[in-house]
Amino acid sequence: MVDSEKFASVIARILDDKLASNITILNISNVSSLGDYFVIASADSPTQVKSLMANVKELVKKYFERSPVRIENDLKNRWNLLDYGDVIVHILHKDERETYALEKFWSHAFRISDETWQKLSEEYSEYK
């Protein structure tokens, strides 16, 4: 079984490979009991939000044989959430991302650098 940091990193990689933007991983383990990591990503359209969510679900199932314990999405696909217990994935339309400013709200959480998650997930890249 893969640890939470690597799992979050692979999810970030999946999102990055499908052209999500502004990908952020926050380690929330010391500031919340919700989980260990948030993966937050932006999309340019509701269609892309929905597509990114479907792609994450499909590839996480393929690579790790895991399904989300909870899925939430608004009817307009402006903000979708996949809860894997230890890692919670937020895929937001870029306008909602600005409005809700999750990184500001969780500013006391530790941010994982892009270089770190990219290194941890490189074996899962579609573009090796």
Protein backbone atom coordinates (compact mmCIF):
# COMPACT_ATOMS: atom_id res chain seq x y z
CA MET A 1 0.00 0.00 0.00
CA VAL A 2 1.28 3.45 -0.92
CA ASP A 3 1.59 6.15 1.76
CA SER A 4 -0.69 9.20 1.77
CA GLU A 5 1.93 11.64 0.48
CA LYS A 6 2.74 9.49 -2.53
CA PHE A 7 -0.96 8.82 -3.13
CA ALA A 8 -1.67 12.58 -3.13
CA SER A 9 1.31 13.11 -5.43
CA VAL A 10 0.06 10.53 -7.94
CA ILE A 11 -3.38 12.18 -7.94
CA ALA A 12 -1.70 15.53 -8.62
CA ARG A 13 0.22 13.88 -11.48
CA ILE A 14 -3.00 12.44 -12.94
CA LEU A 15 -4.55 15.91 -12.85
CA ASP A 16 -1.43 17.49 -14.33
CA ASP A 17 -1.30 14.96 -17.17
CA LYS A 18 -4.89 15.92 -18.07
CA LEU A 19 -4.09 19.65 -18.06
CA ALA A 20 -5.57 20.72 -14.74
CA SER A 21 -4.00 23.99 -13.64
CA ASN A 22 -2.77 25.53 -10.40
CA ILE A 23 -2.32 22.16 -8.67
CA THR A 24 -1.62 22.37 -4.95
CA ILE A 25 -1.08 19.69 -2.32
CA LEU A 26 -1.60 20.66 1.32
CA ASN A 27 -0.58 18.44 4.21
CA ILE A 28 -3.50 18.93 6.60
CA SER A 29 -2.65 16.05 8.95
CA ASN A 30 -1.45 18.32 11.76
CA VAL A 31 -4.32 20.81 11.50
CA SER A 32 -7.40 18.69 10.75
CA SER A 33 -8.93 15.30 11.34
CA LEU A 34 -10.54 15.32 7.87
CA GLY A 35 -7.59 13.54 6.27
CA ASP A 36 -3.87 13.78 5.63
CA TYR A 37 -3.74 15.72 2.35
CA PHE A 38 -5.82 17.98 0.15
CA VAL A 39 -5.12 17.97 -3.57
CA ILE A 40 -6.60 21.11 -5.11
CA ALA A 41 -6.75 21.77 -8.85
CA SER A 42 -8.41 24.23 -11.21
CA ALA A 43 -10.21 23.65 -14.48
CA ASP A 44 -11.28 26.08 -17.21
CA SER A 45 -14.81 24.77 -17.70
CA PRO A 46 -17.48 22.66 -15.97
CA THR A 47 -16.88 19.98 -18.60
CA GLN A 48 -13.19 19.85 -17.68
CA VAL A 49 -14.06 19.68 -13.95
CA LYS A 50 -16.26 16.65 -14.61
CA SER A 51 -13.71 15.04 -16.94
CA LEU A 52 -10.85 15.49 -14.47
CA MET A 53 -12.92 13.91 -11.70
CA ALA A 54 -13.79 10.91 -13.88
CA ASN A 55 -10.16 10.49 -14.89
CA VAL A 56 -8.89 10.57 -11.29
CA LYS A 57 -11.50 8.00 -10.24
CA GLU A 58 -10.62 5.71 -13.14
CA LEU A 59 -6.84 5.84 -12.74
CA VAL A 60 -6.84 5.59 -8.94
CA LYS A 61 -9.00 2.48 -9.29
CA LYS A 62 -6.58 1.10 -11.91
CA TYR A 63 -3.34 1.88 -10.05
CA PHE A 64 -4.40 1.37 -6.42
CA GLU A 65 -7.73 -0.52 -6.53
CA ARG A 66 -9.29 2.25 -4.45
CA SER A 67 -12.61 4.00 -4.84
CA PRO A 68 -13.59 7.23 -3.13
CA VAL A 69 -15.49 6.80 0.15
CA ARG A 70 -17.48 9.92 -0.72
CA ILE A 71 -18.10 11.97 -3.85
CA GLU A 72 -19.61 15.43 -3.88
CA ASN A 73 -20.33 17.69 -6.79
CA ASP A 74 -22.57 20.61 -7.48
CA LEU A 75 -25.10 20.25 -10.26
CA LYS A 76 -23.20 22.64 -12.51
CA ASN A 77 -19.82 20.87 -12.08
CA ARG A 78 -18.14 23.96 -10.72
CA TRP A 79 -16.66 22.13 -7.71
CA ASN A 80 -16.21 18.38 -7.40
CA LEU A 81 -14.76 16.52 -4.46
CA LEU A 82 -13.38 12.99 -4.20
CA ASP A 83 -12.76 11.79 -0.65
CA TYR A 84 -10.38 8.85 -0.37
CA GLY A 85 -10.21 9.11 3.43
CA ASP A 86 -6.56 10.06 3.72
CA VAL A 87 -6.56 12.26 0.60
CA ILE A 88 -9.35 14.62 -0.39
CA VAL A 89 -9.36 15.90 -3.97
CA HIS A 90 -10.95 19.25 -4.81
CA ILE A 91 -11.40 20.04 -8.50
CA LEU A 92 -12.80 23.52 -8.98
CA HIS A 93 -13.67 25.78 -11.86
CA LYS A 94 -11.05 28.55 -11.84
CA ASP A 95 -13.64 31.17 -10.78
CA GLU A 96 -14.74 29.09 -7.77
CA ARG A 97 -11.11 28.49 -6.91
CA GLU A 98 -10.61 32.24 -6.57
CA THR A 99 -13.86 32.73 -4.69
CA TYR A 100 -13.34 29.99 -2.09
CA ALA A 101 -9.57 30.47 -1.72
CA LEU A 102 -9.00 27.12 0.00
CA GLU A 103 -5.27 27.75 0.33
CA LYS A 104 -5.93 30.90 2.33
CA PHE A 105 -8.44 29.14 4.57
CA TRP A 106 -5.94 26.30 5.13
CA SER A 107 -2.91 28.61 5.27
CA HIS A 108 -1.70 26.89 8.46
CA ALA A 109 -1.29 23.62 6.51
CA PHE A 110 2.08 22.72 5.00
CA ARG A 111 2.27 23.00 1.21
CA ILE A 112 4.07 20.21 -0.67
CA SER A 113 6.33 21.70 -3.35
CA ASP A 114 5.65 20.96 -7.02
CA GLU A 115 9.12 19.45 -7.31
CA THR A 116 8.38 17.05 -4.44
CA TRP A 117 5.08 15.73 -5.78
CA GLN A 118 6.45 15.50 -9.30
CA LYS A 119 9.41 13.43 -8.10
CA LEU A 120 7.25 11.17 -5.92
CA SER A 121 4.87 10.46 -8.81
CA GLU A 122 7.15 10.31 -11.84
CA GLU A 123 6.72 6.55 -12.30
CA TYR A 124 2.98 7.18 -12.87
CA SER A 125 3.40 9.79 -15.59
CA GLU A 126 1.68 9.10 -18.90
CA TYR A 127 4.58 10.94 -20.54
CA LYS A 128 7.68 9.03 -19.50
